[in-house]
Amino acid sequence: MRVSAKSDYALRALIEMASRTDGKAVSAEELGKQQEIPHGFLQAILADLRRAGIVMSQRGQSGGWRMGRAAESVSVADVIQAIDGPVAVTACSSSDDGACEQYAKCNVRDPLWRVRARILAALGECTIAELAADPPPAPTTHAAVLHTHL
């Protein structure tokens, strides 16, 4: 699984919003500048996040964007699914409706579903509040992650 640029930008925008201690709305222009996100792309991302209830917009002179839910209640999985749809390891592992013509005789379906479940669990445990923490969480080495999770 690879996190899309759109999801990466969404996470960065949310971290920026959640990091603000004054609770004021922030303009899309400022979000884009702070996180180096192209304005048109950011507008589409914010619209997706609003539809998912993750952010809300505020009109007026002090308008802009703010968290629609507490940052502690928004997981990385929530964001990725709001932006890119269901998390999948392969195209056919995001649905169990048998849409794939090989579904009934697929030998890798179950292992891929287990991988997908682990990915969702890991992404579901990490919240925007954790990512916005000051200082950020200590980095984990790739070897430590592989040893712990596999």
N, C-alpha and C. Protein backbone atom coordinates (compact mmCIF):
# COMPACT_ATOMS: atom_id res chain seq x y z
N MET A 1 0.84 -1.18 0.00
CA MET A 1 0.00 0.00 0.00
C MET A 1 0.89 1.24 0.00
N ARG A 2 0.47 2.21 -0.75
CA ARG A 2 1.20 3.47 -0.82
C ARG A 2 0.24 4.61 -0.53
N VAL A 3 0.63 5.52 0.34
CA VAL A 3 -0.20 6.68 0.65
C VAL A 3 -0.07 7.67 -0.50
N SER A 4 -1.21 8.09 -1.04
CA SER A 4 -1.21 9.01 -2.18
C SER A 4 -0.74 10.40 -1.75
N ALA A 5 -0.32 11.20 -2.72
CA ALA A 5 0.07 12.58 -2.45
C ALA A 5 -1.12 13.34 -1.87
N LYS A 6 -2.31 13.04 -2.35
CA LYS A 6 -3.51 13.71 -1.86
C LYS A 6 -3.74 13.42 -0.37
N SER A 7 -3.57 12.16 0.03
CA SER A 7 -3.72 11.81 1.45
C SER A 7 -2.60 12.43 2.28
N ASP A 8 -1.39 12.44 1.74
CA ASP A 8 -0.27 13.07 2.44
C ASP A 8 -0.56 14.55 2.68
N TYR A 9 -1.03 15.25 1.66
CA TYR A 9 -1.39 16.66 1.81
C TYR A 9 -2.52 16.83 2.83
N ALA A 10 -3.49 15.95 2.80
CA ALA A 10 -4.61 16.04 3.75
C ALA A 10 -4.10 15.89 5.18
N LEU A 11 -3.23 14.93 5.40
CA LEU A 11 -2.66 14.74 6.74
C LEU A 11 -1.88 15.96 7.19
N ARG A 12 -1.09 16.52 6.29
CA ARG A 12 -0.30 17.71 6.63
C ARG A 12 -1.19 18.89 6.95
N ALA A 13 -2.26 19.08 6.19
CA ALA A 13 -3.20 20.18 6.46
C ALA A 13 -3.87 19.99 7.82
N LEU A 14 -4.27 18.77 8.13
CA LEU A 14 -4.92 18.49 9.41
C LEU A 14 -3.95 18.68 10.58
N ILE A 15 -2.72 18.27 10.40
CA ILE A 15 -1.71 18.47 11.45
C ILE A 15 -1.54 19.96 11.71
N GLU A 16 -1.51 20.75 10.64
CA GLU A 16 -1.39 22.20 10.77
C GLU A 16 -2.59 22.76 11.55
N MET A 17 -3.79 22.33 11.21
CA MET A 17 -4.99 22.80 11.92
C MET A 17 -4.96 22.40 13.39
N ALA A 18 -4.62 21.14 13.64
CA ALA A 18 -4.62 20.62 15.01
C ALA A 18 -3.51 21.23 15.86
N SER A 19 -2.47 21.72 15.24
CA SER A 19 -1.34 22.30 15.96
C SER A 19 -1.64 23.71 16.47
N ARG A 20 -2.66 24.30 15.96
CA ARG A 20 -2.98 25.68 16.34
C ARG A 20 -3.64 25.70 17.71
N THR A 21 -3.03 26.41 18.63
CA THR A 21 -3.53 26.44 20.00
C THR A 21 -4.64 27.47 20.21
N ASP A 22 -4.78 28.42 19.27
CA ASP A 22 -5.79 29.46 19.45
C ASP A 22 -7.19 29.01 19.03
N GLY A 23 -7.32 27.87 18.34
CA GLY A 23 -8.62 27.35 17.94
C GLY A 23 -9.29 28.12 16.82
N LYS A 24 -8.60 29.10 16.26
CA LYS A 24 -9.18 29.90 15.18
C LYS A 24 -9.11 29.15 13.85
N ALA A 25 -10.04 29.49 12.98
CA ALA A 25 -10.04 28.92 11.63
C ALA A 25 -8.82 29.45 10.88
N VAL A 26 -8.32 28.63 9.97
CA VAL A 26 -7.16 29.01 9.16
C VAL A 26 -7.57 28.98 7.69
N SER A 27 -7.15 29.96 6.95
CA SER A 27 -7.52 30.03 5.53
C SER A 27 -6.81 28.94 4.74
N ALA A 28 -7.42 28.57 3.63
CA ALA A 28 -6.79 27.58 2.74
C ALA A 28 -5.48 28.12 2.21
N GLU A 29 -5.43 29.43 1.97
CA GLU A 29 -4.20 30.04 1.47
C GLU A 29 -3.06 29.85 2.47
N GLU A 30 -3.35 30.10 3.75
CA GLU A 30 -2.32 29.96 4.77
C GLU A 30 -1.92 28.49 4.95
N LEU A 31 -2.91 27.60 4.95
CA LEU A 31 -2.59 26.17 5.04
C LEU A 31 -1.67 25.75 3.90
N GLY A 32 -2.01 26.19 2.70
CA GLY A 32 -1.20 25.86 1.53
C GLY A 32 0.21 26.38 1.64
N LYS A 33 0.35 27.61 2.12
CA LYS A 33 1.68 28.21 2.28
C LYS A 33 2.48 27.47 3.35
N GLN A 34 1.86 27.23 4.50
CA GLN A 34 2.56 26.59 5.61
C GLN A 34 3.03 25.18 5.26
N GLN A 35 2.21 24.45 4.49
CA GLN A 35 2.52 23.05 4.20
C GLN A 35 2.94 22.80 2.75
N GLU A 36 3.09 23.87 1.97
CA GLU A 36 3.52 23.78 0.57
C GLU A 36 2.61 22.85 -0.23
N ILE A 37 1.31 23.15 -0.16
CA ILE A 37 0.28 22.38 -0.87
C ILE A 37 -0.33 23.29 -1.93
N PRO A 38 -0.36 22.88 -3.19
CA PRO A 38 -0.97 23.71 -4.24
C PRO A 38 -2.42 24.04 -3.89
N HIS A 39 -2.79 25.30 -4.07
CA HIS A 39 -4.09 25.81 -3.64
C HIS A 39 -5.28 25.03 -4.22
N GLY A 40 -5.29 24.82 -5.53
CA GLY A 40 -6.41 24.11 -6.15
C GLY A 40 -6.55 22.69 -5.63
N PHE A 41 -5.43 22.04 -5.44
CA PHE A 41 -5.40 20.68 -4.91
C PHE A 41 -5.93 20.68 -3.47
N LEU A 42 -5.49 21.66 -2.69
CA LEU A 42 -5.91 21.76 -1.29
C LEU A 42 -7.42 21.99 -1.18
N GLN A 43 -7.98 22.80 -2.06
CA GLN A 43 -9.43 23.06 -2.01
C GLN A 43 -10.21 21.76 -2.20
N ALA A 44 -9.79 20.92 -3.13
CA ALA A 44 -10.46 19.64 -3.36
C ALA A 44 -10.31 18.72 -2.14
N ILE A 45 -9.14 18.72 -1.54
CA ILE A 45 -8.88 17.90 -0.35
C ILE A 45 -9.77 18.35 0.79
N LEU A 46 -9.84 19.66 1.02
CA LEU A 46 -10.66 20.18 2.11
C LEU A 46 -12.14 19.85 1.90
N ALA A 47 -12.58 19.88 0.64
CA ALA A 47 -13.97 19.52 0.35
C ALA A 47 -14.23 18.05 0.70
N ASP A 48 -13.29 17.16 0.37
CA ASP A 48 -13.42 15.74 0.73
C ASP A 48 -13.45 15.56 2.24
N LEU A 49 -12.58 16.27 2.93
CA LEU A 49 -12.52 16.16 4.39
C LEU A 49 -13.80 16.72 5.04
N ARG A 50 -14.35 17.76 4.44
CA ARG A 50 -15.61 18.32 4.95
C ARG A 50 -16.75 17.32 4.77
N ARG A 51 -16.83 16.69 3.61
CA ARG A 51 -17.88 15.69 3.38
C ARG A 51 -17.79 14.54 4.39
N ALA A 52 -16.59 14.23 4.82
CA ALA A 52 -16.39 13.15 5.80
C ALA A 52 -16.60 13.63 7.24
N GLY A 53 -16.83 14.93 7.43
CA GLY A 53 -17.05 15.47 8.77
C GLY A 53 -15.76 15.69 9.56
N ILE A 54 -14.63 15.60 8.90
CA ILE A 54 -13.35 15.74 9.59
C ILE A 54 -13.00 17.21 9.80
N VAL A 55 -13.35 18.05 8.83
CA VAL A 55 -13.13 19.49 8.98
C VAL A 55 -14.45 20.21 8.73
N MET A 56 -14.46 21.48 9.11
CA MET A 56 -15.62 22.32 8.82
C MET A 56 -15.12 23.67 8.33
N SER A 57 -15.92 24.30 7.50
CA SER A 57 -15.54 25.61 7.00
C SER A 57 -16.34 26.67 7.73
N GLN A 58 -15.75 27.84 7.82
CA GLN A 58 -16.37 28.97 8.49
C GLN A 58 -16.28 30.16 7.55
N ARG A 59 -17.41 30.76 7.28
CA ARG A 59 -17.43 31.93 6.39
C ARG A 59 -17.18 33.21 7.18
N GLY A 60 -16.91 34.26 6.44
CA GLY A 60 -16.77 35.57 7.07
C GLY A 60 -15.34 36.03 7.16
N GLN A 61 -15.18 37.20 7.79
CA GLN A 61 -13.87 37.83 7.89
C GLN A 61 -12.86 36.95 8.62
N SER A 62 -13.29 36.27 9.65
CA SER A 62 -12.36 35.38 10.37
C SER A 62 -12.60 33.92 9.96
N GLY A 63 -13.04 33.76 8.72
CA GLY A 63 -13.37 32.43 8.22
C GLY A 63 -12.15 31.61 7.85
N GLY A 64 -12.44 30.41 7.46
CA GLY A 64 -11.39 29.49 7.06
C GLY A 64 -11.81 28.07 7.40
N TRP A 65 -10.84 27.27 7.76
CA TRP A 65 -11.06 25.86 8.04
C TRP A 65 -10.59 25.52 9.43
N ARG A 66 -11.31 24.60 10.06
CA ARG A 66 -10.93 24.09 11.38
C ARG A 66 -11.36 22.65 11.49
N MET A 67 -10.86 21.99 12.50
CA MET A 67 -11.22 20.60 12.73
C MET A 67 -12.73 20.52 12.99
N GLY A 68 -13.37 19.54 12.37
CA GLY A 68 -14.80 19.31 12.58
C GLY A 68 -15.03 18.31 13.70
N ARG A 69 -13.99 17.57 14.03
CA ARG A 69 -13.99 16.62 15.15
C ARG A 69 -12.71 16.84 15.94
N ALA A 70 -12.70 16.39 17.15
CA ALA A 70 -11.48 16.49 17.96
C ALA A 70 -10.37 15.73 17.26
N ALA A 71 -9.18 16.30 17.27
CA ALA A 71 -8.03 15.67 16.61
C ALA A 71 -7.73 14.29 17.21
N GLU A 72 -8.11 14.09 18.47
CA GLU A 72 -7.91 12.80 19.13
C GLU A 72 -8.82 11.72 18.56
N SER A 73 -9.90 12.14 17.90
CA SER A 73 -10.86 11.16 17.37
C SER A 73 -10.72 10.93 15.87
N VAL A 74 -9.75 11.56 15.26
CA VAL A 74 -9.52 11.40 13.82
C VAL A 74 -8.25 10.59 13.61
N SER A 75 -8.40 9.41 13.05
CA SER A 75 -7.24 8.56 12.81
C SER A 75 -6.69 8.78 11.40
N VAL A 76 -5.48 8.32 11.20
CA VAL A 76 -4.87 8.37 9.87
C VAL A 76 -5.73 7.55 8.90
N ALA A 77 -6.27 6.43 9.37
CA ALA A 77 -7.15 5.60 8.53
C ALA A 77 -8.38 6.39 8.09
N ASP A 78 -8.97 7.16 9.01
CA ASP A 78 -10.14 7.99 8.67
C ASP A 78 -9.81 8.93 7.52
N VAL A 79 -8.65 9.55 7.61
CA VAL A 79 -8.24 10.54 6.61
C VAL A 79 -7.99 9.87 5.26
N ILE A 80 -7.22 8.81 5.25
CA ILE A 80 -6.91 8.13 3.99
C ILE A 80 -8.19 7.63 3.32
N GLN A 81 -9.10 7.06 4.10
CA GLN A 81 -10.34 6.56 3.52
C GLN A 81 -11.25 7.70 3.03
N ALA A 82 -11.22 8.85 3.71
CA ALA A 82 -12.00 10.00 3.25
C ALA A 82 -11.47 10.54 1.93
N ILE A 83 -10.17 10.47 1.75
CA ILE A 83 -9.53 11.03 0.56
C ILE A 83 -9.48 10.02 -0.59
N ASP A 84 -9.04 8.79 -0.31
CA ASP A 84 -8.78 7.82 -1.37
C ASP A 84 -9.75 6.65 -1.42
N GLY A 85 -10.67 6.58 -0.48
CA GLY A 85 -11.58 5.44 -0.45
C GLY A 85 -11.01 4.31 0.38
N PRO A 86 -11.59 3.13 0.28
CA PRO A 86 -11.16 2.01 1.11
C PRO A 86 -9.68 1.68 0.94
N VAL A 87 -9.04 1.36 2.05
CA VAL A 87 -7.64 0.94 2.03
C VAL A 87 -7.59 -0.47 1.44
N ALA A 88 -6.69 -0.67 0.50
CA ALA A 88 -6.57 -1.99 -0.14
C ALA A 88 -5.12 -2.29 -0.43
N VAL A 89 -4.77 -3.55 -0.30
CA VAL A 89 -3.43 -4.00 -0.65
C VAL A 89 -3.36 -4.24 -2.15
N THR A 90 -4.44 -4.77 -2.70
CA THR A 90 -4.60 -4.96 -4.14
C THR A 90 -5.97 -4.42 -4.52
N ALA A 91 -6.22 -4.29 -5.80
CA ALA A 91 -7.50 -3.75 -6.26
C ALA A 91 -8.69 -4.56 -5.75
N CYS A 92 -8.51 -5.87 -5.64
CA CYS A 92 -9.64 -6.70 -5.22
C CYS A 92 -9.72 -6.91 -3.72
N SER A 93 -8.76 -6.40 -2.95
CA SER A 93 -8.80 -6.65 -1.51
C SER A 93 -9.55 -5.57 -0.73
N SER A 94 -10.21 -4.65 -1.42
CA SER A 94 -10.98 -3.64 -0.72
C SER A 94 -12.46 -4.01 -0.64
N SER A 95 -12.84 -5.13 -1.23
CA SER A 95 -14.24 -5.52 -1.25
C SER A 95 -14.34 -7.03 -1.08
N ASP A 96 -15.32 -7.45 -0.30
CA ASP A 96 -15.53 -8.89 -0.15
C ASP A 96 -16.82 -9.33 -0.81
N ASP A 97 -17.24 -8.58 -1.81
CA ASP A 97 -18.51 -8.89 -2.47
C ASP A 97 -18.37 -9.86 -3.63
N GLY A 98 -17.18 -10.39 -3.83
CA GLY A 98 -16.98 -11.35 -4.91
C GLY A 98 -16.93 -10.71 -6.28
N ALA A 99 -16.65 -9.41 -6.35
CA ALA A 99 -16.62 -8.71 -7.63
C ALA A 99 -15.53 -9.25 -8.55
N CYS A 100 -14.47 -9.77 -7.97
CA CYS A 100 -13.38 -10.33 -8.77
C CYS A 100 -13.80 -11.68 -9.33
N GLU A 101 -13.52 -11.92 -10.57
CA GLU A 101 -13.91 -13.20 -11.18
C GLU A 101 -13.14 -14.38 -10.59
N GLN A 102 -12.01 -14.12 -9.96
CA GLN A 102 -11.21 -15.17 -9.34
C GLN A 102 -11.50 -15.34 -7.84
N TYR A 103 -12.46 -14.60 -7.32
CA TYR A 103 -12.71 -14.53 -5.88
C TYR A 103 -12.86 -15.92 -5.24
N ALA A 104 -13.68 -16.78 -5.79
CA ALA A 104 -13.97 -18.08 -5.17
C ALA A 104 -12.76 -19.01 -5.14
N LYS A 105 -11.88 -18.86 -6.10
CA LYS A 105 -10.73 -19.77 -6.16
C LYS A 105 -9.39 -19.07 -5.90
N CYS A 106 -9.45 -17.90 -5.32
CA CYS A 106 -8.23 -17.11 -5.07
C CYS A 106 -7.50 -17.63 -3.83
N ASN A 107 -6.26 -18.04 -4.00
CA ASN A 107 -5.47 -18.56 -2.89
C ASN A 107 -4.81 -17.47 -2.05
N VAL A 108 -4.71 -16.26 -2.58
CA VAL A 108 -4.05 -15.19 -1.83
C VAL A 108 -5.03 -14.23 -1.17
N ARG A 109 -6.31 -14.43 -1.39
CA ARG A 109 -7.32 -13.53 -0.84
C ARG A 109 -7.21 -13.41 0.68
N ASP A 110 -7.19 -14.52 1.39
CA ASP A 110 -7.16 -14.47 2.85
C ASP A 110 -5.89 -13.85 3.40
N PRO A 111 -4.70 -14.21 2.90
CA PRO A 111 -3.49 -13.52 3.41
C PRO A 111 -3.53 -12.01 3.14
N LEU A 112 -4.03 -11.62 1.97
CA LEU A 112 -4.10 -10.19 1.66
C LEU A 112 -5.11 -9.48 2.56
N TRP A 113 -6.19 -10.16 2.91
CA TRP A 113 -7.16 -9.58 3.84
C TRP A 113 -6.54 -9.40 5.22
N ARG A 114 -5.70 -10.34 5.65
CA ARG A 114 -5.03 -10.21 6.94
C ARG A 114 -4.06 -9.03 6.92
N VAL A 115 -3.34 -8.87 5.81
CA VAL A 115 -2.43 -7.73 5.68
C VAL A 115 -3.23 -6.43 5.72
N ARG A 116 -4.32 -6.39 4.99
CA ARG A 116 -5.18 -5.20 4.98
C ARG A 116 -5.69 -4.88 6.38
N ALA A 117 -6.11 -5.90 7.12
CA ALA A 117 -6.62 -5.69 8.48
C ALA A 117 -5.53 -5.12 9.39
N ARG A 118 -4.30 -5.61 9.24
CA ARG A 118 -3.20 -5.09 10.06
C ARG A 118 -2.87 -3.65 9.70
N ILE A 119 -2.89 -3.34 8.42
CA ILE A 119 -2.64 -1.97 7.99
C ILE A 119 -3.71 -1.05 8.56
N LEU A 120 -4.97 -1.43 8.42
CA LEU A 120 -6.06 -0.61 8.96
C LEU A 120 -5.95 -0.44 10.46
N ALA A 121 -5.58 -1.50 11.16
CA ALA A 121 -5.43 -1.41 12.61
C ALA A 121 -4.33 -0.42 12.97
N ALA A 122 -3.19 -0.51 12.30
CA ALA A 122 -2.07 0.39 12.59
C ALA A 122 -2.44 1.83 12.27
N LEU A 123 -3.07 2.06 11.12
CA LEU A 123 -3.47 3.42 10.74
C LEU A 123 -4.58 3.94 11.64
N GLY A 124 -5.40 3.04 12.15
CA GLY A 124 -6.49 3.43 13.03
C GLY A 124 -6.03 3.80 14.43
N GLU A 125 -4.86 3.32 14.83
CA GLU A 125 -4.32 3.62 16.15
C GLU A 125 -3.66 4.99 16.22
N CYS A 126 -3.24 5.52 15.10
CA CYS A 126 -2.52 6.79 15.06
C CYS A 126 -3.49 7.93 14.78
N THR A 127 -3.53 8.91 15.66
CA THR A 127 -4.48 10.02 15.50
C THR A 127 -3.77 11.29 15.03
N ILE A 128 -4.57 12.22 14.55
CA ILE A 128 -4.05 13.53 14.14
C ILE A 128 -3.45 14.24 15.35
N ALA A 129 -4.05 14.08 16.52
CA ALA A 129 -3.51 14.70 17.73
C ALA A 129 -2.09 14.21 18.01
N GLU A 130 -1.85 12.91 17.83
CA GLU A 130 -0.51 12.37 18.04
C GLU A 130 0.47 12.96 17.03
N LEU A 131 0.03 13.06 15.79
CA LEU A 131 0.91 13.59 14.74
C LEU A 131 1.21 15.07 14.96
N ALA A 132 0.27 15.78 15.58
CA ALA A 132 0.43 17.22 15.80
C ALA A 132 1.13 17.52 17.11
N ALA A 133 1.48 16.49 17.88
CA ALA A 133 2.12 16.68 19.18
C ALA A 133 3.43 17.45 19.03
N ASP A 134 3.71 18.25 20.04
CA ASP A 134 4.95 19.01 20.06
C ASP A 134 5.74 18.61 21.28
N PRO A 135 6.83 17.96 21.18
CA PRO A 135 7.50 17.54 19.95
C PRO A 135 6.82 16.31 19.35
N PRO A 136 7.07 16.08 18.07
CA PRO A 136 6.45 14.92 17.43
C PRO A 136 6.97 13.62 18.06
N PRO A 137 6.20 12.53 17.87
CA PRO A 137 6.67 11.25 18.41
C PRO A 137 8.05 10.90 17.86
N ALA A 138 8.82 10.19 18.66
CA ALA A 138 10.16 9.78 18.23
C ALA A 138 10.05 8.88 17.02
N PRO A 139 10.93 9.06 16.04
CA PRO A 139 10.90 8.20 14.87
C PRO A 139 11.22 6.75 15.23
N THR A 140 10.63 5.85 14.51
CA THR A 140 10.87 4.42 14.70
C THR A 140 11.68 3.93 13.53
N THR A 141 12.67 3.10 13.79
CA THR A 141 13.46 2.56 12.69
C THR A 141 12.64 1.53 11.92
N HIS A 142 12.93 1.37 10.66
CA HIS A 142 12.23 0.38 9.84
C HIS A 142 12.39 -1.02 10.43
N ALA A 143 13.57 -1.34 10.91
CA ALA A 143 13.80 -2.67 11.47
C ALA A 143 12.93 -2.90 12.70
N ALA A 144 12.80 -1.89 13.55
CA ALA A 144 11.97 -2.03 14.75
C ALA A 144 10.51 -2.21 14.38
N VAL A 145 10.05 -1.49 13.37
CA VAL A 145 8.66 -1.62 12.93
C VAL A 145 8.42 -3.03 12.39
N LEU A 146 9.31 -3.50 11.54
CA LEU A 146 9.15 -4.84 10.97
C LEU A 146 9.18 -5.91 12.04
N HIS A 147 10.08 -5.78 12.99
CA HIS A 147 10.19 -6.78 14.07
C HIS A 147 8.93 -6.77 14.95
N THR A 148 8.40 -5.60 15.24
CA THR A 148 7.25 -5.46 16.12
C THR A 148 5.97 -5.93 15.47
N HIS A 149 5.79 -5.61 14.20
CA HIS A 149 4.48 -5.81 13.56
C HIS A 149 4.38 -7.05 12.68
N LEU A 150 5.47 -7.69 12.37
CA LEU A 150 5.37 -8.84 11.48
C LEU A 150 5.58 -10.14 12.19
